[in-house]
Amino acid sequence: LSGNILVLGDGDFSFSVALAKDNQMRGSAKITASSLDTKAFVEETYSSGKGNLELLDQDQNVFVMHGLDATELGSLGKERVWDSIVWNFPYPTADICATSEAGLKILDG
C-alpha cells in the first residue's frame, strides 16, 4: 500500500483496522478512515466500534474523521487530496430493508 487512501463509510471501522494492519506489514500509505456517523454513535452502536477506533488512534499512519459526508468532500479544501478512495457499500440493516420491497429482496439474497 502506498499514497494517501480515503476509506468512506466504514461503519464500525473494521475495514480500516484490517487495512491499517496490512499497511503496517507491507505498506507506507497514509490512511484516512471515515464515517458519516459521530464517534459517540459508532461507540454506542457497534460492539467493536470503540476498540477499533482505539486501534486506529494508535497508528501514526491513520487519521480518523467522523461526520464526513462523501457528497461534501470538496468542502474540505485542496489540502485534503487522496490517491485512492475506498467506498464501502452501505450495509442494509433489517429495519431499513423491511420498509421496502427492494430491501426485502436484499435480505432474502
PDB file of N, CA and C in Angstrom:
ATOM      1  N   LEU A   1       0.838  -1.182   0.000  1.00  0.00           N
ATOM      2  CA  LEU A   1       0.000   0.000   0.000  1.00  0.00           C
ATOM      3  C   LEU A   1       0.879   1.240   0.000  1.00  0.00           C
ATOM      4  N   SER A   2       0.410   2.238  -0.734  1.00  0.00           N
ATOM      5  CA  SER A   2       1.177   3.485  -0.757  1.00  0.00           C
ATOM      6  C   SER A   2       0.242   4.646  -1.068  1.00  0.00           C
ATOM      7  N   GLY A   3       0.752   5.846  -0.912  1.00  0.00           N
ATOM      8  CA  GLY A   3      -0.032   7.037  -1.186  1.00  0.00           C
ATOM      9  C   GLY A   3      -0.987   7.370  -0.064  1.00  0.00           C
ATOM     10  N   ASN A   4      -1.948   8.206  -0.391  1.00  0.00           N
ATOM     11  CA  ASN A   4      -2.973   8.626   0.554  1.00  0.00           C
ATOM     12  C   ASN A   4      -4.275   7.917   0.208  1.00  0.00           C
ATOM     13  N   ILE A   5      -4.835   7.192   1.182  1.00  0.00           N
ATOM     14  CA  ILE A   5      -6.036   6.406   0.962  1.00  0.00           C
ATOM     15  C   ILE A   5      -7.154   6.940   1.848  1.00  0.00           C
ATOM     16  N   LEU A   6      -8.319   7.164   1.256  1.00  0.00           N
ATOM     17  CA  LEU A   6      -9.510   7.561   1.996  1.00  0.00           C
ATOM     18  C   LEU A   6     -10.477   6.390   2.015  1.00  0.00           C
ATOM     19  N   VAL A   7     -10.899   6.003   3.216  1.00  0.00           N
ATOM     20  CA  VAL A   7     -11.926   4.969   3.373  1.00  0.00           C
ATOM     21  C   VAL A   7     -13.210   5.675   3.782  1.00  0.00           C
ATOM     22  N   LEU A   8     -14.240   5.548   2.950  1.00  0.00           N
ATOM     23  CA  LEU A   8     -15.529   6.179   3.219  1.00  0.00           C
ATOM     24  C   LEU A   8     -16.526   5.153   3.754  1.00  0.00           C
ATOM     25  N   GLY A   9     -17.345   5.576   4.695  1.00  0.00           N
ATOM     26  CA  GLY A   9     -18.463   4.770   5.150  1.00  0.00           C
ATOM     27  C   GLY A   9     -18.102   3.487   5.860  1.00  0.00           C
ATOM     28  N   ASP A  10     -17.081   3.525   6.674  1.00  0.00           N
ATOM     29  CA  ASP A  10     -16.649   2.317   7.394  1.00  0.00           C
ATOM     30  C   ASP A  10     -17.371   2.271   8.736  1.00  0.00           C
ATOM     31  N   GLY A  11     -18.591   1.743   8.735  1.00  0.00           N
ATOM     32  CA  GLY A  11     -19.474   1.736   9.910  1.00  0.00           C
ATOM     33  C   GLY A  11     -18.795   1.525  11.241  1.00  0.00           C
ATOM     34  N   ASP A  12     -18.234   0.337  11.483  1.00  0.00           N
ATOM     35  CA  ASP A  12     -17.581   0.061  12.770  1.00  0.00           C
ATOM     36  C   ASP A  12     -16.059   0.177  12.681  1.00  0.00           C
ATOM     37  N   PHE A  13     -15.568   0.637  11.562  1.00  0.00           N
ATOM     38  CA  PHE A  13     -14.145   0.855  11.295  1.00  0.00           C
ATOM     39  C   PHE A  13     -13.332  -0.439  11.241  1.00  0.00           C
ATOM     40  N   SER A  14     -13.989  -1.574  11.080  1.00  0.00           N
ATOM     41  CA  SER A  14     -13.268  -2.852  10.998  1.00  0.00           C
ATOM     42  C   SER A  14     -12.477  -2.973   9.691  1.00  0.00           C
ATOM     43  N   PHE A  15     -13.013  -2.437   8.596  1.00  0.00           N
ATOM     44  CA  PHE A  15     -12.274  -2.474   7.338  1.00  0.00           C
ATOM     45  C   PHE A  15     -10.996  -1.654   7.458  1.00  0.00           C
ATOM     46  N   SER A  16     -11.107  -0.483   8.064  1.00  0.00           N
ATOM     47  CA  SER A  16      -9.933   0.381   8.226  1.00  0.00           C
ATOM     48  C   SER A  16      -8.881  -0.251   9.122  1.00  0.00           C
ATOM     49  N   VAL A  17      -9.310  -0.976  10.154  1.00  0.00           N
ATOM     50  CA  VAL A  17      -8.361  -1.685  11.022  1.00  0.00           C
ATOM     51  C   VAL A  17      -7.611  -2.735  10.208  1.00  0.00           C
ATOM     52  N   ALA A  18      -8.323  -3.507   9.398  1.00  0.00           N
ATOM     53  CA  ALA A  18      -7.679  -4.534   8.574  1.00  0.00           C
ATOM     54  C   ALA A  18      -6.714  -3.894   7.574  1.00  0.00           C
ATOM     55  N   LEU A  19      -7.119  -2.793   6.972  1.00  0.00           N
ATOM     56  CA  LEU A  19      -6.260  -2.091   6.024  1.00  0.00           C
ATOM     57  C   LEU A  19      -5.013  -1.548   6.716  1.00  0.00           C
ATOM     58  N   ALA A  20      -5.190  -0.994   7.905  1.00  0.00           N
ATOM     59  CA  ALA A  20      -4.054  -0.448   8.658  1.00  0.00           C
ATOM     60  C   ALA A  20      -3.075  -1.548   9.058  1.00  0.00           C
ATOM     61  N   LYS A  21      -3.587  -2.712   9.458  1.00  0.00           N
ATOM     62  CA  LYS A  21      -2.705  -3.829   9.821  1.00  0.00           C
ATOM     63  C   LYS A  21      -1.895  -4.290   8.611  1.00  0.00           C
ATOM     64  N   ASP A  22      -2.534  -4.380   7.463  1.00  0.00           N
ATOM     65  CA  ASP A  22      -1.821  -4.762   6.250  1.00  0.00           C
ATOM     66  C   ASP A  22      -0.779  -3.700   5.893  1.00  0.00           C
ATOM     67  N   ASN A  23      -1.145  -2.455   6.072  1.00  0.00           N
ATOM     68  CA  ASN A  23      -0.234  -1.354   5.788  1.00  0.00           C
ATOM     69  C   ASN A  23       0.990  -1.383   6.700  1.00  0.00           C
ATOM     70  N   GLN A  24       0.805  -1.775   7.961  1.00  0.00           N
ATOM     71  CA  GLN A  24       1.924  -1.864   8.908  1.00  0.00           C
ATOM     72  C   GLN A  24       2.929  -2.924   8.467  1.00  0.00           C
ATOM     73  N   MET A  25       2.434  -4.013   7.889  1.00  0.00           N
ATOM     74  CA  MET A  25       3.312  -5.112   7.497  1.00  0.00           C
ATOM     75  C   MET A  25       4.015  -4.879   6.162  1.00  0.00           C
ATOM     76  N   ARG A  26       3.315  -4.254   5.227  1.00  0.00           N
ATOM     77  CA  ARG A  26       3.922  -4.164   3.896  1.00  0.00           C
ATOM     78  C   ARG A  26       3.551  -2.914   3.123  1.00  0.00           C
ATOM     79  N   GLY A  27       3.354  -1.837   3.813  1.00  0.00           N
ATOM     80  CA  GLY A  27       2.973  -0.622   3.114  1.00  0.00           C
ATOM     81  C   GLY A  27       3.516   0.629   3.758  1.00  0.00           C
ATOM     82  N   SER A  28       3.220   1.740   3.108  1.00  0.00           N
ATOM     83  CA  SER A  28       3.644   3.041   3.626  1.00  0.00           C
ATOM     84  C   SER A  28       2.556   4.092   3.411  1.00  0.00           C
ATOM     85  N   ALA A  29       1.327   3.650   3.282  1.00  0.00           N
ATOM     86  CA  ALA A  29       0.222   4.558   2.993  1.00  0.00           C
ATOM     87  C   ALA A  29      -0.172   5.385   4.210  1.00  0.00           C
ATOM     88  N   LYS A  30      -0.741   6.529   3.924  1.00  0.00           N
ATOM     89  CA  LYS A  30      -1.408   7.358   4.925  1.00  0.00           C
ATOM     90  C   LYS A  30      -2.895   7.123   4.715  1.00  0.00           C
ATOM     91  N   ILE A  31      -3.570   6.648   5.753  1.00  0.00           N
ATOM     92  CA  ILE A  31      -4.967   6.245   5.643  1.00  0.00           C
ATOM     93  C   ILE A  31      -5.857   7.219   6.406  1.00  0.00           C
ATOM     94  N   THR A  32      -6.901   7.685   5.735  1.00  0.00           N
ATOM     95  CA  THR A  32      -7.943   8.456   6.394  1.00  0.00           C
ATOM     96  C   THR A  32      -9.158   7.550   6.476  1.00  0.00           C
ATOM     97  N   ALA A  33      -9.509   7.138   7.680  1.00  0.00           N
ATOM     98  CA  ALA A  33     -10.665   6.283   7.915  1.00  0.00           C
ATOM     99  C   ALA A  33     -11.830   7.184   8.300  1.00  0.00           C
ATOM    100  N   SER A  34     -12.990   6.987   7.672  1.00  0.00           N
ATOM    101  CA  SER A  34     -14.084   7.908   7.939  1.00  0.00           C
ATOM    102  C   SER A  34     -15.436   7.222   8.017  1.00  0.00           C
ATOM    103  N   SER A  35     -16.354   7.973   8.608  1.00  0.00           N
ATOM    104  CA  SER A  35     -17.740   7.542   8.729  1.00  0.00           C
ATOM    105  C   SER A  35     -18.611   8.785   8.776  1.00  0.00           C
ATOM    106  N   LEU A  36     -19.815   8.658   8.281  1.00  0.00           N
ATOM    107  CA  LEU A  36     -20.772   9.754   8.384  1.00  0.00           C
ATOM    108  C   LEU A  36     -21.228   9.928   9.830  1.00  0.00           C
ATOM    109  N   ASP A  37     -21.166   8.860  10.602  1.00  0.00           N
ATOM    110  CA  ASP A  37     -21.622   8.868  11.993  1.00  0.00           C
ATOM    111  C   ASP A  37     -20.655   9.614  12.912  1.00  0.00           C
ATOM    112  N   THR A  38     -21.177  10.023  14.064  1.00  0.00           N
ATOM    113  CA  THR A  38     -20.335  10.636  15.092  1.00  0.00           C
ATOM    114  C   THR A  38     -19.547   9.538  15.817  1.00  0.00           C
ATOM    115  N   LYS A  39     -18.509   9.934  16.506  1.00  0.00           N
ATOM    116  CA  LYS A  39     -17.730   8.976  17.286  1.00  0.00           C
ATOM    117  C   LYS A  39     -18.609   8.312  18.342  1.00  0.00           C
ATOM    118  N   ALA A  40     -19.429   9.090  19.008  1.00  0.00           N
ATOM    119  CA  ALA A  40     -20.308   8.546  20.050  1.00  0.00           C
ATOM    120  C   ALA A  40     -21.258   7.501  19.465  1.00  0.00           C
ATOM    121  N   PHE A  41     -21.799   7.768  18.291  1.00  0.00           N
ATOM    122  CA  PHE A  41     -22.716   6.816  17.655  1.00  0.00           C
ATOM    123  C   PHE A  41     -21.996   5.509  17.336  1.00  0.00           C
ATOM    124  N   VAL A  42     -20.793   5.605  16.797  1.00  0.00           N
ATOM    125  CA  VAL A  42     -20.015   4.401  16.463  1.00  0.00           C
ATOM    126  C   VAL A  42     -19.753   3.579  17.715  1.00  0.00           C
ATOM    127  N   GLU A  43     -19.337   4.243  18.777  1.00  0.00           N
ATOM    128  CA  GLU A  43     -19.013   3.536  20.018  1.00  0.00           C
ATOM    129  C   GLU A  43     -20.246   2.910  20.678  1.00  0.00           C
ATOM    130  N   GLU A  44     -21.389   3.562  20.545  1.00  0.00           N
ATOM    131  CA  GLU A  44     -22.610   3.064  21.171  1.00  0.00           C
ATOM    132  C   GLU A  44     -23.329   2.006  20.332  1.00  0.00           C
ATOM    133  N   THR A  45     -23.197   2.088  19.017  1.00  0.00           N
ATOM    134  CA  THR A  45     -23.967   1.234  18.121  1.00  0.00           C
ATOM    135  C   THR A  45     -23.273  -0.080  17.782  1.00  0.00           C
ATOM    136  N   TYR A  46     -21.980  -0.040  17.583  1.00  0.00           N
ATOM    137  CA  TYR A  46     -21.229  -1.216  17.147  1.00  0.00           C
ATOM    138  C   TYR A  46     -20.423  -1.783  18.313  1.00  0.00           C
ATOM    139  N   SER A  47     -20.590  -3.067  18.580  1.00  0.00           N
ATOM    140  CA  SER A  47     -19.892  -3.679  19.717  1.00  0.00           C
ATOM    141  C   SER A  47     -18.373  -3.574  19.598  1.00  0.00           C
ATOM    142  N   SER A  48     -17.870  -3.559  18.384  1.00  0.00           N
ATOM    143  CA  SER A  48     -16.416  -3.460  18.175  1.00  0.00           C
ATOM    144  C   SER A  48     -15.972  -2.043  17.819  1.00  0.00           C
ATOM    145  N   GLY A  49     -16.901  -1.113  17.772  1.00  0.00           N
ATOM    146  CA  GLY A  49     -16.585   0.251  17.346  1.00  0.00           C
ATOM    147  C   GLY A  49     -15.528   0.943  18.188  1.00  0.00           C
ATOM    148  N   LYS A  50     -15.712   0.941  19.499  1.00  0.00           N
ATOM    149  CA  LYS A  50     -14.770   1.638  20.381  1.00  0.00           C
ATOM    150  C   LYS A  50     -13.372   1.025  20.294  1.00  0.00           C
ATOM    151  N   GLY A  51     -13.292  -0.296  20.317  1.00  0.00           N
ATOM    152  CA  GLY A  51     -11.998  -0.970  20.222  1.00  0.00           C
ATOM    153  C   GLY A  51     -11.307  -0.697  18.897  1.00  0.00           C
ATOM    154  N   ASN A  52     -12.073  -0.696  17.814  1.00  0.00           N
ATOM    155  CA  ASN A  52     -11.491  -0.409  16.500  1.00  0.00           C
ATOM    156  C   ASN A  52     -10.950   1.014  16.440  1.00  0.00           C
ATOM    157  N   LEU A  53     -11.699   1.952  16.985  1.00  0.00           N
ATOM    158  CA  LEU A  53     -11.228   3.343  16.988  1.00  0.00           C
ATOM    159  C   LEU A  53      -9.962   3.499  17.824  1.00  0.00           C
ATOM    160  N   GLU A  54      -9.889   2.785  18.939  1.00  0.00           N
ATOM    161  CA  GLU A  54      -8.682   2.840  19.771  1.00  0.00           C
ATOM    162  C   GLU A  54      -7.472   2.292  19.018  1.00  0.00           C
ATOM    163  N   LEU A  55      -7.664   1.193  18.289  1.00  0.00           N
ATOM    164  CA  LEU A  55      -6.568   0.629  17.490  1.00  0.00           C
ATOM    165  C   LEU A  55      -6.104   1.618  16.427  1.00  0.00           C
ATOM    166  N   LEU A  56      -7.040   2.255  15.764  1.00  0.00           N
ATOM    167  CA  LEU A  56      -6.688   3.213  14.714  1.00  0.00           C
ATOM    168  C   LEU A  56      -5.980   4.438  15.282  1.00  0.00           C
ATOM    169  N   ASP A  57      -6.410   4.877  16.459  1.00  0.00           N
ATOM    170  CA  ASP A  57      -5.785   6.044  17.087  1.00  0.00           C
ATOM    171  C   ASP A  57      -4.326   5.803  17.451  1.00  0.00           C
ATOM    172  N   GLN A  58      -3.938   4.551  17.623  1.00  0.00           N
ATOM    173  CA  GLN A  58      -2.560   4.206  17.974  1.00  0.00           C
ATOM    174  C   GLN A  58      -1.639   4.161  16.758  1.00  0.00           C
ATOM    175  N   ASP A  59      -2.202   4.183  15.575  1.00  0.00           N
ATOM    176  CA  ASP A  59      -1.415   4.061  14.347  1.00  0.00           C
ATOM    177  C   ASP A  59      -1.106   5.448  13.796  1.00  0.00           C
ATOM    178  N   GLN A  60       0.157   5.793  13.715  1.00  0.00           N
ATOM    179  CA  GLN A  60       0.551   7.127  13.266  1.00  0.00           C
ATOM    180  C   GLN A  60       0.263   7.380  11.791  1.00  0.00           C
ATOM    181  N   ASN A  61      -0.024   6.323  11.034  1.00  0.00           N
ATOM    182  CA  ASN A  61      -0.339   6.485   9.612  1.00  0.00           C
ATOM    183  C   ASN A  61      -1.838   6.551   9.338  1.00  0.00           C
ATOM    184  N   VAL A  62      -2.641   6.619  10.405  1.00  0.00           N
ATOM    185  CA  VAL A  62      -4.096   6.654  10.258  1.00  0.00           C
ATOM    186  C   VAL A  62      -4.658   7.919  10.895  1.00  0.00           C
ATOM    187  N   PHE A  63      -5.543   8.560  10.155  1.00  0.00           N
ATOM    188  CA  PHE A  63      -6.285   9.721  10.646  1.00  0.00           C
ATOM    189  C   PHE A  63      -7.765   9.358  10.563  1.00  0.00           C
ATOM    190  N   VAL A  64      -8.504   9.542  11.648  1.00  0.00           N
ATOM    191  CA  VAL A  64      -9.919   9.181  11.687  1.00  0.00           C
ATOM    192  C   VAL A  64     -10.772  10.442  11.604  1.00  0.00           C
ATOM    193  N   MET A  65     -11.777  10.393  10.737  1.00  0.00           N
ATOM    194  CA  MET A  65     -12.715  11.511  10.594  1.00  0.00           C
ATOM    195  C   MET A  65     -14.137  10.996  10.837  1.00  0.00           C
ATOM    196  N   HIS A  66     -14.872  11.688  11.685  1.00  0.00           N
ATOM    197  CA  HIS A  66     -16.273  11.367  11.940  1.00  0.00           C
ATOM    198  C   HIS A  66     -17.139  12.451  11.310  1.00  0.00           C
ATOM    199  N   GLY A  67     -18.341  12.076  10.900  1.00  0.00           N
ATOM    200  CA  GLY A  67     -19.254  13.053  10.316  1.00  0.00           C
ATOM    201  C   GLY A  67     -18.863  13.480   8.918  1.00  0.00           C
ATOM    202  N   LEU A  68     -18.128  12.645   8.210  1.00  0.00           N
ATOM    203  CA  LEU A  68     -17.690  13.004   6.854  1.00  0.00           C
ATOM    204  C   LEU A  68     -18.745  12.579   5.846  1.00  0.00           C
ATOM    205  N   ASP A  69     -19.333  13.550   5.195  1.00  0.00           N
ATOM    206  CA  ASP A  69     -20.341  13.316   4.163  1.00  0.00           C
ATOM    207  C   ASP A  69     -19.624  13.235   2.818  1.00  0.00           C
ATOM    208  N   ALA A  70     -19.705  12.090   2.179  1.00  0.00           N
ATOM    209  CA  ALA A  70     -18.984  11.863   0.920  1.00  0.00           C
ATOM    210  C   ALA A  70     -19.441  12.810  -0.185  1.00  0.00           C
ATOM    211  N   THR A  71     -20.635  13.360  -0.059  1.00  0.00           N
ATOM    212  CA  THR A  71     -21.111  14.297  -1.081  1.00  0.00           C
ATOM    213  C   THR A  71     -20.547  15.697  -0.872  1.00  0.00           C
ATOM    214  N   GLU A  72     -19.817  15.895   0.210  1.00  0.00           N
ATOM    215  CA  GLU A  72     -19.273  17.218   0.540  1.00  0.00           C
ATOM    216  C   GLU A  72     -17.746  17.227   0.608  1.00  0.00           C
ATOM    217  N   LEU A  73     -17.085  16.303  -0.061  1.00  0.00           N
ATOM    218  CA  LEU A  73     -15.619  16.229   0.016  1.00  0.00           C
ATOM    219  C   LEU A  73     -14.951  17.508  -0.472  1.00  0.00           C
ATOM    220  N   GLY A  74     -15.545  18.170  -1.418  1.00  0.00           N
ATOM    221  CA  GLY A  74     -14.975  19.414  -1.941  1.00  0.00           C
ATOM    222  C   GLY A  74     -14.864  20.502  -0.887  1.00  0.00           C
ATOM    223  N   SER A  75     -15.711  20.435   0.118  1.00  0.00           N
ATOM    224  CA  SER A  75     -15.687  21.459   1.170  1.00  0.00           C
ATOM    225  C   SER A  75     -14.469  21.330   2.085  1.00  0.00           C
ATOM    226  N   LEU A  76     -13.735  20.232   1.976  1.00  0.00           N
ATOM    227  CA  LEU A  76     -12.552  20.042   2.816  1.00  0.00           C
ATOM    228  C   LEU A  76     -11.357  20.851   2.333  1.00  0.00           C
ATOM    229  N   GLY A  77     -11.448  21.378   1.143  1.00  0.00           N
ATOM    230  CA  GLY A  77     -10.361  22.191   0.605  1.00  0.00           C
ATOM    231  C   GLY A  77      -9.315  21.369  -0.116  1.00  0.00           C
ATOM    232  N   LYS A  78      -8.365  22.060  -0.694  1.00  0.00           N
ATOM    233  CA  LYS A  78      -7.341  21.403  -1.507  1.00  0.00           C
ATOM    234  C   LYS A  78      -6.244  20.743  -0.687  1.00  0.00           C
ATOM    235  N   GLU A  79      -6.218  20.974   0.628  1.00  0.00           N
ATOM    236  CA  GLU A  79      -5.198  20.326   1.454  1.00  0.00           C
ATOM    237  C   GLU A  79      -5.507  18.850   1.671  1.00  0.00           C
ATOM    238  N   ARG A  80      -6.717  18.427   1.393  1.00  0.00           N
ATOM    239  CA  ARG A  80      -7.112  17.021   1.519  1.00  0.00           C
ATOM    240  C   ARG A  80      -7.206  16.410   0.125  1.00  0.00           C
ATOM    241  N   VAL A  81      -6.174  15.660  -0.237  1.00  0.00           N
ATOM    242  CA  VAL A  81      -6.135  15.004  -1.547  1.00  0.00           C
ATOM    243  C   VAL A  81      -5.765  13.547  -1.319  1.00  0.00           C
ATOM    244  N   TRP A  82      -6.480  12.637  -1.987  1.00  0.00           N
ATOM    245  CA  TRP A  82      -6.224  11.210  -1.841  1.00  0.00           C
ATOM    246  C   TRP A  82      -5.901  10.599  -3.186  1.00  0.00           C
ATOM    247  N   ASP A  83      -5.023   9.608  -3.166  1.00  0.00           N
ATOM    248  CA  ASP A  83      -4.672   8.870  -4.369  1.00  0.00           C
ATOM    249  C   ASP A  83      -5.695   7.777  -4.663  1.00  0.00           C
ATOM    250  N   SER A  84      -6.285   7.227  -3.599  1.00  0.00           N
ATOM    251  CA  SER A  84      -7.271   6.160  -3.727  1.00  0.00           C
ATOM    252  C   SER A  84      -8.410   6.408  -2.752  1.00  0.00           C
ATOM    253  N   ILE A  85      -9.615   6.116  -3.207  1.00  0.00           N
ATOM    254  CA  ILE A  85     -10.782   6.223  -2.341  1.00  0.00           C
ATOM    255  C   ILE A  85     -11.493   4.878  -2.337  1.00  0.00           C
ATOM    256  N   VAL A  86     -11.706   4.349  -1.144  1.00  0.00           N
ATOM    257  CA  VAL A  86     -12.425   3.084  -0.966  1.00  0.00           C
ATOM    258  C   VAL A  86     -13.777   3.443  -0.370  1.00  0.00           C
ATOM    259  N   TRP A  87     -14.829   3.120  -1.094  1.00  0.00           N
ATOM    260  CA  TRP A  87     -16.169   3.434  -0.633  1.00  0.00           C
ATOM    261  C   TRP A  87     -16.874   2.134  -0.314  1.00  0.00           C
ATOM    262  N   ASN A  88     -17.012   1.848   0.965  1.00  0.00           N
ATOM    263  CA  ASN A  88     -17.702   0.636   1.385  1.00  0.00           C
ATOM    264  C   ASN A  88     -19.182   0.775   1.089  1.00  0.00           C
ATOM    265  N   PHE A  89     -19.752  -0.259   0.477  1.00  0.00           N
ATOM    266  CA  PHE A  89     -21.168  -0.236   0.159  1.00  0.00           C
ATOM    267  C   PHE A  89     -21.971  -0.195   1.452  1.00  0.00           C
ATOM    268  N   PRO A  90     -22.967   0.667   1.535  1.00  0.00           N
ATOM    269  CA  PRO A  90     -23.756   0.755   2.766  1.00  0.00           C
ATOM    270  C   PRO A  90     -24.394  -0.587   3.121  1.00  0.00           C
ATOM    271  N   TYR A  91     -24.322  -0.937   4.373  1.00  0.00           N
ATOM    272  CA  TYR A  91     -24.919  -2.168   4.874  1.00  0.00           C
ATOM    273  C   TYR A  91     -26.423  -1.971   5.037  1.00  0.00           C
ATOM    274  N   PRO A  92     -27.218  -2.790   4.398  1.00  0.00           N
ATOM    275  CA  PRO A  92     -28.675  -2.627   4.512  1.00  0.00           C
ATOM    276  C   PRO A  92     -29.206  -3.296   5.789  1.00  0.00           C
ATOM    277  N   THR A  93     -29.406  -2.538   6.828  1.00  0.00           N
ATOM    278  CA  THR A  93     -29.890  -3.106   8.079  1.00  0.00           C
ATOM    279  C   THR A  93     -31.332  -3.562   7.936  1.00  0.00           C
ATOM    280  N   ALA A  94     -31.740  -4.485   8.772  1.00  0.00           N
ATOM    281  CA  ALA A  94     -33.069  -5.083   8.679  1.00  0.00           C
ATOM    282  C   ALA A  94     -34.180  -4.047   8.799  1.00  0.00           C
ATOM    283  N   ASP A  95     -34.025  -3.063   9.692  1.00  0.00           N
ATOM    284  CA  ASP A  95     -35.099  -2.090   9.862  1.00  0.00           C
ATOM    285  C   ASP A  95     -35.271  -1.209   8.632  1.00  0.00           C
ATOM    286  N   ILE A  96     -34.190  -0.914   7.943  1.00  0.00           N
ATOM    287  CA  ILE A  96     -34.276  -0.122   6.715  1.00  0.00           C
ATOM    288  C   ILE A  96     -34.843  -0.977   5.588  1.00  0.00           C
ATOM    289  N   CYS A  97     -34.335  -2.176   5.461  1.00  0.00           N
ATOM    290  CA  CYS A  97     -34.765  -3.051   4.374  1.00  0.00           C
ATOM    291  C   CYS A  97     -36.220  -3.471   4.505  1.00  0.00           C
ATOM    292  N   ALA A  98     -36.703  -3.583   5.718  1.00  0.00           N
ATOM    293  CA  ALA A  98     -38.077  -4.034   5.936  1.00  0.00           C
ATOM    294  C   ALA A  98     -39.097  -3.020   5.440  1.00  0.00           C
ATOM    295  N   THR A  99     -38.655  -1.801   5.166  1.00  0.00           N
ATOM    296  CA  THR A  99     -39.585  -0.760   4.733  1.00  0.00           C
ATOM    297  C   THR A  99     -39.757  -0.701   3.233  1.00  0.00           C
ATOM    298  N   SER A 100     -39.062  -1.550   2.502  1.00  0.00           N
ATOM    299  CA  SER A 100     -39.211  -1.507   1.050  1.00  0.00           C
ATOM    300  C   SER A 100     -39.148  -2.902   0.442  1.00  0.00           C
ATOM    301  N   GLU A 101     -39.836  -3.040  -0.664  1.00  0.00           N
ATOM    302  CA  GLU A 101     -39.840  -4.318  -1.386  1.00  0.00           C
ATOM    303  C   GLU A 101     -38.418  -4.677  -1.826  1.00  0.00           C
ATOM    304  N   ALA A 102     -37.662  -3.697  -2.343  1.00  0.00           N
ATOM    305  CA  ALA A 102     -36.289  -3.957  -2.794  1.00  0.00           C
ATOM    306  C   ALA A 102     -35.406  -4.344  -1.633  1.00  0.00           C
ATOM    307  N   GLY A 103     -35.631  -3.717  -0.491  1.00  0.00           N
ATOM    308  CA  GLY A 103     -34.856  -4.039   0.698  1.00  0.00           C
ATOM    309  C   GLY A 103     -35.067  -5.467   1.148  1.00  0.00           C
ATOM    310  N   LEU A 104     -36.293  -5.921   1.083  1.00  0.00           N
ATOM    311  CA  LEU A 104     -36.587  -7.305   1.464  1.00  0.00           C
ATOM    312  C   LEU A 104     -35.901  -8.289   0.530  1.00  0.00           C
ATOM    313  N   LYS A 105     -35.793  -7.931  -0.748  1.00  0.00           N
ATOM    314  CA  LYS A 105     -35.093  -8.809  -1.703  1.00  0.00           C
ATOM    315  C   LYS A 105     -33.612  -8.888  -1.365  1.00  0.00           C
ATOM    316  N   ILE A 106     -33.025  -7.803  -0.892  1.00  0.00           N
ATOM    317  CA  ILE A 106     -31.615  -7.815  -0.491  1.00  0.00           C
ATOM    318  C   ILE A 106     -31.428  -8.770   0.672  1.00  0.00           C
ATOM    319  N   LEU A 107     -32.310  -8.706   1.653  1.00  0.00           N
ATOM    320  CA  LEU A 107     -32.180  -9.583   2.816  1.00  0.00           C
ATOM    321  C   LEU A 107     -32.403 -11.045   2.457  1.00  0.00           C
ATOM    322  N   ASP A 108     -33.273 -11.310   1.498  1.00  0.00           N
ATOM    323  CA  ASP A 108     -33.548 -12.686   1.085  1.00  0.00           C
ATOM    324  C   ASP A 108     -32.428 -13.273   0.238  1.00  0.00           C
ATOM    325  N   GLY A 109     -31.556 -12.415  -0.290  1.00  0.00           N
ATOM    326  CA  GLY A 109     -30.429 -12.880  -1.111  1.00  0.00           C
ATOM    327  C   GLY A 109     -30.883 -13.068  -2.500  1.00  0.00           C
TER     328      GLY A 109
END
